[in-house]
Protein backbone atom coordinates (compact mmCIF):
# COMPACT_ATOMS: atom_id res chain seq x y z
CA MET A 1 186.71 94.83 32.58
CA SER A 2 188.59 93.71 35.93
CA ALA A 3 187.34 93.95 39.29
CA SER A 4 189.75 96.22 40.71
CA ARG A 5 189.36 98.73 37.11
CA LEU A 6 185.33 98.75 37.76
CA LEU A 7 186.06 99.65 41.51
CA LEU A 8 188.42 102.80 40.29
CA ASP A 9 185.91 103.71 37.65
CA CYS A 10 183.27 103.95 40.45
CA LEU A 11 185.76 105.65 42.93
CA SER A 12 186.36 108.35 40.12
CA ARG A 13 183.12 109.51 39.74
CA PRO A 14 181.63 112.32 41.88
CA LEU A 15 179.45 111.34 45.02
CA ARG A 16 175.62 111.92 44.49
CA ILE A 17 173.50 112.67 47.61
CA ASP A 18 169.97 111.46 47.36
CA TRP A 19 168.32 114.00 49.98
CA LYS A 20 165.06 112.87 49.98
CA CYS A 21 166.08 109.62 51.64
CA ALA A 22 169.63 110.71 52.92
CA VAL A 23 170.98 107.70 51.30
CA LEU A 24 174.60 108.08 49.87
CA HIS A 25 175.58 106.17 46.95
CA LEU A 26 178.32 106.26 44.18
CA PRO A 27 176.64 106.32 40.49
CA CYS A 28 177.85 103.43 38.53
CA PRO A 29 176.46 102.08 35.23
CA ARG A 30 177.63 98.61 36.32
CA GLY A 31 175.43 98.66 39.51
CA CYS A 32 178.41 99.54 41.97
CA SER A 33 176.91 101.53 45.25
CA LEU A 34 177.63 102.31 48.72
CA MET A 35 175.19 102.78 51.17
CA ILE A 36 174.87 104.76 54.79
CA SER A 37 172.31 104.73 57.18
CA GLY A 38 169.01 106.76 57.51
CA ASP A 39 165.85 107.79 55.46
CA GLY A 40 162.94 109.79 56.25
CA ASN A 41 160.77 107.06 57.74
CA PHE A 42 162.88 104.56 59.51
CA HIS A 43 166.35 104.15 60.56
CA ILE A 44 169.14 101.84 61.43
CA GLY A 45 168.10 100.27 64.81
CA ASP A 46 164.37 101.07 64.99
CA LYS A 47 161.86 98.94 66.38
CA VAL A 48 159.17 98.04 63.87
CA VAL A 49 156.63 95.77 63.17
CA TYR A 50 155.90 93.44 60.32
CA PRO A 51 152.33 92.46 60.20
CA ASN A 52 151.51 88.71 61.22
CA HIS A 53 155.14 88.51 61.83
CA GLY A 54 155.76 90.80 65.12
CA VAL A 55 158.31 92.75 65.76
CA GLY A 56 161.75 93.30 64.71
CA VAL A 57 164.70 95.97 64.39
CA ILE A 58 166.08 97.63 61.01
CA GLU A 59 169.34 96.47 60.88
CA GLN A 60 170.37 97.97 57.28
CA ILE A 61 169.38 100.27 54.51
CA SER A 62 170.90 99.40 51.23
CA SER A 63 169.94 99.25 47.56
CA ARG A 64 170.36 97.41 44.51
CA THR A 65 171.11 98.73 41.03
CA ILE A 66 168.58 97.20 38.35
CA GLY A 67 169.41 98.60 34.95
CA GLU A 68 168.84 102.05 35.54
CA THR A 69 166.93 101.64 38.74
CA VAL A 70 167.99 101.64 42.14
CA GLU A 71 166.20 100.35 44.24
CA LYS A 72 166.34 100.99 47.88
CA PHE A 73 165.36 98.56 50.67
CA TYR A 74 165.32 97.91 54.53
CA LEU A 75 166.76 94.81 56.07
CA LEU A 76 164.90 93.32 59.34
CA LYS A 77 165.50 90.68 61.97
CA ILE A 78 162.32 89.13 63.23
CA LYS A 79 162.58 88.98 66.84
CA ALA A 80 160.76 85.45 67.24
CA ASN A 81 162.99 83.56 64.70
CA SER A 82 165.51 85.64 64.09
CA LEU A 83 164.08 85.69 59.95
CA LYS A 84 165.69 88.55 57.87
CA VAL A 85 163.12 90.04 55.78
CA MET A 86 164.12 92.56 52.93
CA VAL A 87 161.29 95.36 52.16
CA PRO A 88 161.58 97.71 49.27
CA PHE A 89 160.94 101.66 50.30
CA HIS A 90 157.87 101.41 47.52
CA ASN A 91 156.31 98.63 49.67
CA VAL A 92 156.28 100.05 53.07
CA ASN A 93 152.81 100.93 53.00
CA THR A 94 151.68 98.00 51.11
CA VAL A 95 152.83 95.39 53.49
CA GLY A 96 151.96 97.84 56.55
CA LEU A 97 155.51 98.13 58.04
CA ARG A 98 154.99 100.13 60.90
CA ARG A 99 156.74 101.68 64.44
CA VAL A 100 155.91 99.82 67.70
CA VAL A 101 153.12 101.10 69.71
CA LYS A 102 153.06 104.29 71.93
CA ASN A 103 151.85 104.66 75.25
CA GLY A 104 148.46 106.21 74.11
CA GLU A 105 147.79 103.22 71.74
CA ILE A 106 148.72 100.69 74.49
CA GLN A 107 146.36 101.98 76.94
CA LYS A 108 143.64 101.63 74.29
CA ILE A 109 144.52 98.21 74.22
CA VAL A 110 144.44 97.69 78.05
CA ASP A 111 141.14 99.44 78.05
CA PHE A 112 139.34 97.22 75.14
CA LEU A 113 140.38 94.21 76.96
CA THR A 114 139.09 95.54 80.04
CA ASP A 115 135.79 96.24 78.83
CA GLY A 116 135.38 96.46 75.23
CA GLU A 117 132.90 94.61 73.27
CA CYS A 118 133.22 91.40 70.64
CA ASP A 119 131.04 90.15 68.27
CA ASN A 120 131.72 86.58 66.76
CA ASN A 121 130.10 85.40 63.63
CA ALA A 122 128.67 82.21 64.29
CA ASP A 123 129.54 80.55 61.19
CA TRP A 124 132.97 79.13 61.84
CA LYS A 125 134.20 79.88 58.36
CA TYR A 126 133.39 83.69 58.31
CA ARG A 127 134.56 83.86 61.55
CA PHE A 128 137.95 82.50 60.70
CA LYS A 129 137.98 84.92 57.59
CA GLU A 130 137.42 87.75 59.39
CA ASN A 131 139.88 87.13 62.21
CA SER A 132 142.28 86.40 59.68
CA GLU A 133 141.79 89.94 57.97
CA ARG A 134 141.95 91.69 61.43
CA MET A 135 145.48 89.87 61.86
CA ARG A 136 146.88 90.99 59.02
CA THR A 137 145.93 94.66 59.32
CA GLY A 138 148.79 95.04 61.22
CA SER A 139 146.94 96.60 63.88
CA LEU A 140 147.49 95.32 67.84
CA LEU A 141 144.03 96.87 68.68
CA GLU A 142 142.34 94.60 66.12
CA VAL A 143 144.77 91.76 67.24
CA SER A 144 143.64 92.13 70.55
CA ALA A 145 139.99 92.50 69.56
CA VAL A 146 140.87 88.41 67.88
CA LEU A 147 142.39 87.47 71.57
CA LYS A 148 139.31 88.71 73.63
CA GLY A 149 136.80 87.29 70.71
CA LEU A 150 138.28 83.89 70.92
CA LEU A 151 138.71 83.50 74.63
CA LEU A 152 135.08 84.53 74.77
CA LEU A 153 133.98 81.69 72.23
CA ASN A 154 136.18 79.47 74.31
CA GLN A 155 134.05 79.99 77.28
CA SER A 156 131.33 78.17 75.13
CA LYS A 157 132.83 75.57 73.55
CA PRO A 158 136.57 74.46 72.80
CA LEU A 159 138.27 76.24 70.07
CA SER A 160 139.10 74.19 66.89
CA PHE A 161 142.86 73.53 65.93
CA ARG A 162 143.10 76.41 63.54
CA GLU A 163 141.44 78.94 65.67
CA LYS A 164 143.56 77.57 68.89
CA LYS A 165 146.90 78.41 66.96
CA MET A 166 145.50 82.09 65.89
CA LEU A 167 144.59 82.53 69.62
CA GLU A 168 148.33 81.80 70.21
CA ARG A 169 149.61 83.77 67.92
CA ALA A 170 147.76 86.74 68.84
CA ARG A 171 148.96 86.10 72.30
CA TYR A 172 152.54 86.35 70.91
CA LEU A 173 152.00 89.26 68.77
CA LEU A 174 150.61 91.32 72.00
CA VAL A 175 153.25 90.38 74.31
CA SER A 176 156.02 90.76 72.35
CA GLU A 177 155.06 94.35 70.72
CA LEU A 178 153.99 95.85 74.10
CA ALA A 179 156.97 94.38 76.11
CA MET A 180 159.17 96.02 73.16
CA ALA A 181 157.16 99.11 73.50
CA LYS A 182 157.60 99.34 77.45
CA ASN A 183 161.25 98.06 77.46
CA CYS A 184 160.30 95.70 80.22
CA GLU A 185 160.16 91.81 80.25
CA GLU A 186 157.18 89.68 79.03
CA ILE A 187 156.29 88.51 82.29
CA LEU A 188 155.11 92.13 83.22
CA ILE A 189 153.09 92.49 79.97
CA GLU A 190 151.74 89.05 80.56
CA GLU A 191 150.20 90.33 84.06
CA MET A 192 148.88 93.43 82.83
CA LEU A 193 146.83 91.80 80.40
CA SER A 194 145.91 89.02 82.82
CA LYS A 195 144.19 92.12 85.08
CA ALA A 196 142.66 93.72 82.29
CA LEU A 197 141.07 90.68 81.14
CA SER A 198 140.16 89.11 84.30
CA LYS A 199 137.62 92.43 84.53
CA SER A 200 135.52 91.11 82.20
CA LYS A 201 136.23 87.32 83.46
CA LEU A 202 138.59 85.94 80.69
CA ARG A 203 141.68 84.59 81.64
CA PHE A 204 144.54 85.27 79.99
CA PRO A 205 146.45 82.01 78.41
CA GLU A 206 149.48 81.12 79.28
CA ALA A 207 152.14 79.85 76.84
CA SER A 208 151.96 76.62 78.24
CA ASP A 209 148.47 76.37 77.35
CA PHE A 210 149.53 76.01 73.81
CA VAL A 211 152.41 73.44 74.29
CA ALA A 212 151.33 70.12 72.86
């Protein structure tokens, strides 16, 4: 069948709306579909966090047809590197996609950095494994625990190359998400975190600390 005939075939069919996902599409045996924005959880323009990658924005909600199955997905643009990430609806919980933190959560992070307690495993391998798992949770409070724990450790001995990279990553994830959540410049977030950590006699690392 020609492309023009296939398009006419699709357009001649009645529209079907999947109200559960608020997605409008044209049913077509050849996989022809038309998408509009919106679903029950995230919408185009929403600021979200993709665990261990950082903040991003949902740019598109679309679908693809494989056989008789229509798979819907979000298209994200990660802020740090403009990377485009495609997340199927059914994988949202698995990958930990979530909205940016709110004010109440921000205060918990600041309070923890101010006077929260940290435990560092003495064994480097176990400590790195535990911190890696914390980073993968996507929880910004867990990320702040990694950052504070590594800063405490750095007071007694220099960090290994891998732990220094993890500290850099934790710093980036905290600053970038909090800046997006509070809709302000990152320098203001850095000042806020620096003030909180100073009460624990810790220095918030500068970005220049990680330049080779």
